[in-house]
Amino acid sequence: MTANRLPLDPPDGLTDGLNEAELVAGLARRDPDVTTEFLQRTHRSVYALTARLTHDPDLRHDWTGDILLRIVNELGRGRFVYQWPGCFWSWFQKRSYFLLLNIHSDYRRQNDRWTTGEIGEELADRFPGGQGPDGQKMLEDAEARRTVEECLEKLPSEDQRRALSLILFEGLSYQEVADHSGTALNTVRSWIRRSRAAVRKCVAAVYGLGPEEPS
């Protein structure tokens, strides 16, 4: 790793003979050869990322495997759409950071060591992107996103979950979602309208702003 290189830059040689769009397509269709190579080539980078939050090698291996398998599963479910060169690795980096925070928070809660003070003093100082208020804000944003994602998973329709996820987290337009899913634009608009309403109710209930109602 060079001095200025981010831990989750594309691993050297990962795209030999396979461009980024082909890589995403192979992962999306769950091609076993592409998936195996992807997991092997990215394992070291994600493992290095987990080392920022734990010194336990067993936890690092467990968390690395969990992160990579979740990412592969999300790609297989259409949770990412390739748009331009470099967009996949940018998404991969941000998604890995978020999933690591998610896993770490679950671990801390299970061990009864999750407090506001620990978030500020331990995680914010270790989180990539800086220390102090900026790091804390990233943690708060990650927690808010986690709440939204948990509410998204409660939606009964996979089509609605995928469509709203692509709009909220990947910045796609309604038309782009319609093109990607092969669905009429008006149908996508209906999905988004219903899913937004359901997620708003769920998030309000989580934060005690009102009762959660069925979607």
C-alpha atoms as a PDB file:
ATOM      1  CA  MET A   1       0.000   0.000   0.000  1.00  0.00           C
ATOM      2  CA  THR A   2       1.443   3.354  -0.969  1.00  0.00           C
ATOM      3  CA  ALA A   3       1.454   6.247   1.474  1.00  0.00           C
ATOM      4  CA  ASN A   4      -1.554   8.025  -0.034  1.00  0.00           C
ATOM      5  CA  ARG A   5      -3.537   4.971  -0.999  1.00  0.00           C
ATOM      6  CA  LEU A   6      -6.899   4.323   0.649  1.00  0.00           C
ATOM      7  CA  PRO A   7      -7.395   0.860   2.171  1.00  0.00           C
ATOM      8  CA  LEU A   8     -10.218   0.062  -0.217  1.00  0.00           C
ATOM      9  CA  ASP A   9      -8.802   1.232  -3.530  1.00  0.00           C
ATOM     10  CA  PRO A  10      -9.187  -1.458  -6.230  1.00  0.00           C
ATOM     11  CA  PRO A  11      -6.735  -4.219  -5.293  1.00  0.00           C
ATOM     12  CA  ASP A  12      -3.826  -4.574  -7.724  1.00  0.00           C
ATOM     13  CA  GLY A  13      -4.688  -6.908 -10.575  1.00  0.00           C
ATOM     14  CA  LEU A  14      -8.318  -7.345  -9.597  1.00  0.00           C
ATOM     15  CA  THR A  15      -9.589  -6.215 -12.974  1.00  0.00           C
ATOM     16  CA  ASP A  16      -6.984  -8.017 -15.083  1.00  0.00           C
ATOM     17  CA  GLY A  17      -8.993  -9.291 -18.066  1.00  0.00           C
ATOM     18  CA  LEU A  18     -12.219  -8.053 -16.500  1.00  0.00           C
ATOM     19  CA  ASN A  19     -13.354  -4.435 -16.562  1.00  0.00           C
ATOM     20  CA  GLU A  20     -15.334  -2.866 -13.768  1.00  0.00           C
ATOM     21  CA  ALA A  21     -18.707  -3.127 -15.520  1.00  0.00           C
ATOM     22  CA  GLU A  22     -18.093  -6.817 -16.262  1.00  0.00           C
ATOM     23  CA  LEU A  23     -17.070  -7.374 -12.651  1.00  0.00           C
ATOM     24  CA  VAL A  24     -20.322  -5.851 -11.371  1.00  0.00           C
ATOM     25  CA  ALA A  25     -22.360  -7.830 -13.907  1.00  0.00           C
ATOM     26  CA  GLY A  26     -20.648 -11.072 -12.878  1.00  0.00           C
ATOM     27  CA  LEU A  27     -21.287 -10.422  -9.202  1.00  0.00           C
ATOM     28  CA  ALA A  28     -24.903  -9.434  -9.902  1.00  0.00           C
ATOM     29  CA  ARG A  29     -25.601 -12.725 -11.681  1.00  0.00           C
ATOM     30  CA  ARG A  30     -23.731 -14.590  -8.926  1.00  0.00           C
ATOM     31  CA  ASP A  31     -21.112 -16.009 -11.284  1.00  0.00           C
ATOM     32  CA  PRO A  32     -19.117 -18.366  -9.017  1.00  0.00           C
ATOM     33  CA  ASP A  33     -15.741 -17.692 -10.667  1.00  0.00           C
ATOM     34  CA  VAL A  34     -16.122 -13.909 -10.561  1.00  0.00           C
ATOM     35  CA  THR A  35     -17.429 -14.036  -6.994  1.00  0.00           C
ATOM     36  CA  THR A  36     -14.589 -16.257  -5.781  1.00  0.00           C
ATOM     37  CA  GLU A  37     -11.940 -14.029  -7.366  1.00  0.00           C
ATOM     38  CA  PHE A  38     -13.588 -10.891  -5.987  1.00  0.00           C
ATOM     39  CA  LEU A  39     -13.667 -12.305  -2.442  1.00  0.00           C
ATOM     40  CA  GLN A  40     -10.064 -13.458  -2.632  1.00  0.00           C
ATOM     41  CA  ARG A  41      -8.754 -10.174  -4.029  1.00  0.00           C
ATOM     42  CA  THR A  42     -10.672  -7.851  -1.673  1.00  0.00           C
ATOM     43  CA  HIS A  43     -10.264  -9.840   1.549  1.00  0.00           C
ATOM     44  CA  ARG A  44      -6.941  -8.226   2.518  1.00  0.00           C
ATOM     45  CA  SER A  45      -8.208  -4.661   1.981  1.00  0.00           C
ATOM     46  CA  VAL A  46     -11.341  -5.172   4.084  1.00  0.00           C
ATOM     47  CA  TYR A  47      -9.339  -7.032   6.732  1.00  0.00           C
ATOM     48  CA  ALA A  48      -7.067  -3.974   7.004  1.00  0.00           C
ATOM     49  CA  LEU A  49     -10.148  -1.804   7.452  1.00  0.00           C
ATOM     50  CA  THR A  50     -11.485  -3.937  10.309  1.00  0.00           C
ATOM     51  CA  ALA A  51      -8.126  -3.600  12.063  1.00  0.00           C
ATOM     52  CA  ARG A  52      -9.041   0.038  12.753  1.00  0.00           C
ATOM     53  CA  LEU A  53     -11.734  -1.101  15.194  1.00  0.00           C
ATOM     54  CA  THR A  54     -10.360  -4.294  16.733  1.00  0.00           C
ATOM     55  CA  HIS A  55      -7.011  -5.913  17.467  1.00  0.00           C
ATOM     56  CA  ASP A  56      -8.579  -9.371  17.725  1.00  0.00           C
ATOM     57  CA  PRO A  57      -7.575 -11.366  14.597  1.00  0.00           C
ATOM     58  CA  ASP A  58     -10.557 -13.707  14.954  1.00  0.00           C
ATOM     59  CA  LEU A  59     -12.980 -10.792  14.982  1.00  0.00           C
ATOM     60  CA  ARG A  60     -11.198  -9.239  12.007  1.00  0.00           C
ATOM     61  CA  HIS A  61     -11.646 -12.433   9.985  1.00  0.00           C
ATOM     62  CA  ASP A  62     -15.286 -12.792  11.044  1.00  0.00           C
ATOM     63  CA  TRP A  63     -16.143  -9.175  10.285  1.00  0.00           C
ATOM     64  CA  THR A  64     -14.284  -9.232   6.961  1.00  0.00           C
ATOM     65  CA  GLY A  65     -16.191 -12.302   5.823  1.00  0.00           C
ATOM     66  CA  ASP A  66     -19.490 -10.841   6.970  1.00  0.00           C
ATOM     67  CA  ILE A  67     -18.890  -7.537   5.140  1.00  0.00           C
ATOM     68  CA  LEU A  68     -17.866  -9.173   1.868  1.00  0.00           C
ATOM     69  CA  LEU A  69     -20.714 -11.671   1.868  1.00  0.00           C
ATOM     70  CA  ARG A  70     -23.251  -8.918   2.570  1.00  0.00           C
ATOM     71  CA  ILE A  71     -21.854  -6.869  -0.307  1.00  0.00           C
ATOM     72  CA  VAL A  72     -22.001  -9.833  -2.700  1.00  0.00           C
ATOM     73  CA  ASN A  73     -25.562 -10.572  -1.575  1.00  0.00           C
ATOM     74  CA  GLU A  74     -26.612  -6.939  -2.115  1.00  0.00           C
ATOM     75  CA  LEU A  75     -25.147  -6.980  -5.622  1.00  0.00           C
ATOM     76  CA  GLY A  76     -27.044 -10.172  -6.367  1.00  0.00           C
ATOM     77  CA  ARG A  77     -30.250  -8.490  -5.213  1.00  0.00           C
ATOM     78  CA  GLY A  78     -29.739  -5.502  -7.513  1.00  0.00           C
ATOM     79  CA  ARG A  79     -28.870  -3.020  -4.762  1.00  0.00           C
ATOM     80  CA  PHE A  80     -26.171  -1.398  -6.899  1.00  0.00           C
ATOM     81  CA  VAL A  81     -26.300  -0.159 -10.503  1.00  0.00           C
ATOM     82  CA  TYR A  82     -23.095   0.472 -12.462  1.00  0.00           C
ATOM     83  CA  GLN A  83     -23.122   3.941 -14.041  1.00  0.00           C
ATOM     84  CA  TRP A  84     -19.574   5.115 -14.788  1.00  0.00           C
ATOM     85  CA  PRO A  85     -15.933   3.977 -14.337  1.00  0.00           C
ATOM     86  CA  GLY A  86     -14.926   4.052 -10.692  1.00  0.00           C
ATOM     87  CA  CYS A  87     -18.450   4.193  -9.267  1.00  0.00           C
ATOM     88  CA  PHE A  88     -18.350   0.588  -8.072  1.00  0.00           C
ATOM     89  CA  TRP A  89     -15.161   1.034  -6.061  1.00  0.00           C
ATOM     90  CA  SER A  90     -16.473   4.261  -4.579  1.00  0.00           C
ATOM     91  CA  TRP A  91     -19.665   2.450  -3.521  1.00  0.00           C
ATOM     92  CA  PHE A  92     -17.684  -0.548  -2.283  1.00  0.00           C
ATOM     93  CA  GLN A  93     -15.555   1.658  -0.044  1.00  0.00           C
ATOM     94  CA  LYS A  94     -18.477   3.570   1.460  1.00  0.00           C
ATOM     95  CA  ARG A  95     -20.555   0.427   1.861  1.00  0.00           C
ATOM     96  CA  SER A  96     -17.738  -1.454   3.595  1.00  0.00           C
ATOM     97  CA  TYR A  97     -17.241   1.428   6.060  1.00  0.00           C
ATOM     98  CA  PHE A  98     -20.943   1.490   6.850  1.00  0.00           C
ATOM     99  CA  LEU A  99     -21.224  -2.279   7.267  1.00  0.00           C
ATOM    100  CA  LEU A 100     -18.205  -2.285   9.565  1.00  0.00           C
ATOM    101  CA  LEU A 101     -19.803   0.342  11.794  1.00  0.00           C
ATOM    102  CA  ASN A 102     -23.024  -1.648  11.754  1.00  0.00           C
ATOM    103  CA  ILE A 103     -21.280  -4.880  12.759  1.00  0.00           C
ATOM    104  CA  HIS A 104     -19.214  -3.095  15.389  1.00  0.00           C
ATOM    105  CA  SER A 105     -22.264  -1.488  16.982  1.00  0.00           C
ATOM    106  CA  ASP A 106     -23.999  -4.870  17.206  1.00  0.00           C
ATOM    107  CA  TYR A 107     -20.901  -6.345  18.804  1.00  0.00           C
ATOM    108  CA  ARG A 108     -20.675  -3.570  21.369  1.00  0.00           C
ATOM    109  CA  ARG A 109     -24.354  -3.823  22.220  1.00  0.00           C
ATOM    110  CA  GLN A 110     -24.092  -7.554  22.708  1.00  0.00           C
ATOM    111  CA  ASN A 111     -21.269  -6.957  25.158  1.00  0.00           C
ATOM    112  CA  ASP A 112     -23.047  -4.132  27.004  1.00  0.00           C
ATOM    113  CA  ARG A 113     -20.301  -1.646  26.215  1.00  0.00           C
ATOM    114  CA  TRP A 114     -22.129   0.666  23.814  1.00  0.00           C
ATOM    115  CA  THR A 115     -22.297   4.185  25.262  1.00  0.00           C
ATOM    116  CA  THR A 116     -22.312   7.665  23.804  1.00  0.00           C
ATOM    117  CA  GLY A 117     -18.968   8.404  25.420  1.00  0.00           C
ATOM    118  CA  GLU A 118     -17.356   5.384  23.815  1.00  0.00           C
ATOM    119  CA  ILE A 119     -18.655   6.391  20.403  1.00  0.00           C
ATOM    120  CA  GLY A 120     -17.087   9.822  20.667  1.00  0.00           C
ATOM    121  CA  GLU A 121     -13.806   8.829  22.307  1.00  0.00           C
ATOM    122  CA  GLU A 122     -13.025   5.514  20.619  1.00  0.00           C
ATOM    123  CA  LEU A 123     -14.802   5.184  17.282  1.00  0.00           C
ATOM    124  CA  ALA A 124     -14.656   8.773  16.073  1.00  0.00           C
ATOM    125  CA  ASP A 125     -10.874   8.854  16.550  1.00  0.00           C
ATOM    126  CA  ARG A 126     -10.382   5.610  14.615  1.00  0.00           C
ATOM    127  CA  PHE A 127     -12.917   6.108  11.862  1.00  0.00           C
ATOM    128  CA  PRO A 128     -11.374   6.896   8.449  1.00  0.00           C
ATOM    129  CA  GLY A 129     -11.892  10.473   7.374  1.00  0.00           C
ATOM    130  CA  GLY A 130     -10.639  12.376  10.385  1.00  0.00           C
ATOM    131  CA  GLN A 131     -11.154  12.940  14.066  1.00  0.00           C
ATOM    132  CA  GLY A 132     -13.414  15.138  16.144  1.00  0.00           C
ATOM    133  CA  PRO A 133     -16.758  16.530  14.942  1.00  0.00           C
ATOM    134  CA  ASP A 134     -16.407  15.262  11.361  1.00  0.00           C
ATOM    135  CA  GLY A 135     -15.812  11.708  12.513  1.00  0.00           C
ATOM    136  CA  GLN A 136     -18.691  11.946  14.965  1.00  0.00           C
ATOM    137  CA  LYS A 137     -21.017  13.229  12.262  1.00  0.00           C
ATOM    138  CA  MET A 138     -20.086  10.291  10.041  1.00  0.00           C
ATOM    139  CA  LEU A 139     -21.002   7.941  12.861  1.00  0.00           C
ATOM    140  CA  GLU A 140     -24.320   9.698  13.410  1.00  0.00           C
ATOM    141  CA  ASP A 141     -25.039   9.545   9.681  1.00  0.00           C
ATOM    142  CA  ALA A 142     -24.220   5.842   9.678  1.00  0.00           C
ATOM    143  CA  GLU A 143     -26.627   5.222  12.556  1.00  0.00           C
ATOM    144  CA  ALA A 144     -29.371   7.154  10.759  1.00  0.00           C
ATOM    145  CA  ARG A 145     -28.757   5.189   7.578  1.00  0.00           C
ATOM    146  CA  ARG A 146     -28.857   1.974   9.551  1.00  0.00           C
ATOM    147  CA  THR A 147     -32.303   2.894  10.875  1.00  0.00           C
ATOM    148  CA  VAL A 148     -33.553   3.629   7.357  1.00  0.00           C
ATOM    149  CA  GLU A 149     -32.114   0.362   6.023  1.00  0.00           C
ATOM    150  CA  GLU A 150     -33.728  -1.627   8.821  1.00  0.00           C
ATOM    151  CA  CYS A 151     -37.053   0.006   7.973  1.00  0.00           C
ATOM    152  CA  LEU A 152     -36.478  -0.711   4.280  1.00  0.00           C
ATOM    153  CA  GLU A 153     -36.052  -4.400   5.072  1.00  0.00           C
ATOM    154  CA  LYS A 154     -39.513  -4.424   6.656  1.00  0.00           C
ATOM    155  CA  LEU A 155     -41.174  -3.505   3.362  1.00  0.00           C
ATOM    156  CA  PRO A 156     -43.097  -6.529   2.040  1.00  0.00           C
ATOM    157  CA  SER A 157     -42.146  -5.874  -1.584  1.00  0.00           C
ATOM    158  CA  GLU A 158     -38.596  -6.584  -2.793  1.00  0.00           C
ATOM    159  CA  ASP A 159     -39.255  -4.324  -5.796  1.00  0.00           C
ATOM    160  CA  GLN A 160     -40.106  -1.418  -3.505  1.00  0.00           C
ATOM    161  CA  ARG A 161     -37.076  -2.089  -1.295  1.00  0.00           C
ATOM    162  CA  ARG A 162     -34.700  -2.175  -4.241  1.00  0.00           C
ATOM    163  CA  ALA A 163     -36.173   0.878  -5.957  1.00  0.00           C
ATOM    164  CA  LEU A 164     -36.122   3.103  -2.876  1.00  0.00           C
ATOM    165  CA  SER A 165     -32.637   1.915  -1.914  1.00  0.00           C
ATOM    166  CA  LEU A 166     -31.283   2.853  -5.356  1.00  0.00           C
ATOM    167  CA  ILE A 167     -32.854   6.309  -5.134  1.00  0.00           C
ATOM    168  CA  LEU A 168     -31.892   7.053  -1.520  1.00  0.00           C
ATOM    169  CA  PHE A 169     -28.390   5.605  -1.425  1.00  0.00           C
ATOM    170  CA  GLU A 170     -27.160   5.458  -5.022  1.00  0.00           C
ATOM    171  CA  GLY A 171     -28.697   8.682  -6.316  1.00  0.00           C
ATOM    172  CA  LEU A 172     -30.516   7.158  -9.288  1.00  0.00           C
ATOM    173  CA  SER A 173     -33.451   8.962 -10.860  1.00  0.00           C
ATOM    174  CA  TYR A 174     -36.917   7.424 -11.189  1.00  0.00           C
ATOM    175  CA  GLN A 175     -36.268   6.926 -14.898  1.00  0.00           C
ATOM    176  CA  GLU A 176     -32.955   5.193 -14.250  1.00  0.00           C
ATOM    177  CA  VAL A 177     -34.616   2.825 -11.778  1.00  0.00           C
ATOM    178  CA  ALA A 178     -37.347   2.121 -14.321  1.00  0.00           C
ATOM    179  CA  ASP A 179     -34.769   1.420 -17.043  1.00  0.00           C
ATOM    180  CA  HIS A 180     -32.713  -0.807 -14.763  1.00  0.00           C
ATOM    181  CA  SER A 181     -35.692  -2.848 -13.589  1.00  0.00           C
ATOM    182  CA  GLY A 182     -37.480  -2.951 -16.953  1.00  0.00           C
ATOM    183  CA  THR A 183     -40.566  -1.462 -15.329  1.00  0.00           C
ATOM    184  CA  ALA A 184     -42.894   1.325 -16.426  1.00  0.00           C
ATOM    185  CA  LEU A 185     -42.016   4.737 -14.963  1.00  0.00           C
ATOM    186  CA  ASN A 186     -45.476   5.175 -13.426  1.00  0.00           C
ATOM    187  CA  THR A 187     -45.094   1.832 -11.653  1.00  0.00           C
ATOM    188  CA  VAL A 188     -41.756   2.935 -10.194  1.00  0.00           C
ATOM    189  CA  ARG A 189     -43.345   6.182  -9.012  1.00  0.00           C
ATOM    190  CA  SER A 190     -46.058   4.175  -7.282  1.00  0.00           C
ATOM    191  CA  TRP A 191     -43.444   1.932  -5.620  1.00  0.00           C
ATOM    192  CA  ILE A 192     -41.494   4.917  -4.352  1.00  0.00           C
ATOM    193  CA  ARG A 193     -44.560   6.753  -3.074  1.00  0.00           C
ATOM    194  CA  ARG A 194     -45.737   3.752  -1.077  1.00  0.00           C
ATOM    195  CA  SER A 195     -42.318   2.745   0.192  1.00  0.00           C
ATOM    196  CA  ARG A 196     -41.407   6.290   1.276  1.00  0.00           C
ATOM    197  CA  ALA A 197     -44.624   6.544   3.298  1.00  0.00           C
ATOM    198  CA  ALA A 198     -43.995   3.195   4.983  1.00  0.00           C
ATOM    199  CA  VAL A 199     -40.366   3.988   5.784  1.00  0.00           C
ATOM    200  CA  ARG A 200     -41.293   7.413   7.195  1.00  0.00           C
ATOM    201  CA  LYS A 201     -43.780   5.784   9.578  1.00  0.00           C
ATOM    202  CA  CYS A 202     -41.225   3.187  10.622  1.00  0.00           C
ATOM    203  CA  VAL A 203     -38.459   5.725  11.265  1.00  0.00           C
ATOM    204  CA  ALA A 204     -40.870   7.944  13.220  1.00  0.00           C
ATOM    205  CA  ALA A 205     -41.748   4.963  15.411  1.00  0.00           C
ATOM    206  CA  VAL A 206     -38.069   4.129  16.007  1.00  0.00           C
ATOM    207  CA  TYR A 207     -37.375   7.670  17.202  1.00  0.00           C
ATOM    208  CA  GLY A 208     -40.575   7.858  19.239  1.00  0.00           C
ATOM    209  CA  LEU A 209     -42.225  10.421  16.989  1.00  0.00           C
ATOM    210  CA  GLY A 210     -45.375   8.416  16.447  1.00  0.00           C
ATOM    211  CA  PRO A 211     -46.742   4.869  16.363  1.00  0.00           C
ATOM    212  CA  GLU A 212     -45.538   2.543  13.635  1.00  0.00           C
ATOM    213  CA  GLU A 213     -48.376   1.714  11.287  1.00  0.00           C
ATOM    214  CA  PRO A 214     -48.662  -1.087   8.758  1.00  0.00           C
ATOM    215  CA  SER A 215     -47.592  -0.133   5.239  1.00  0.00           C
END
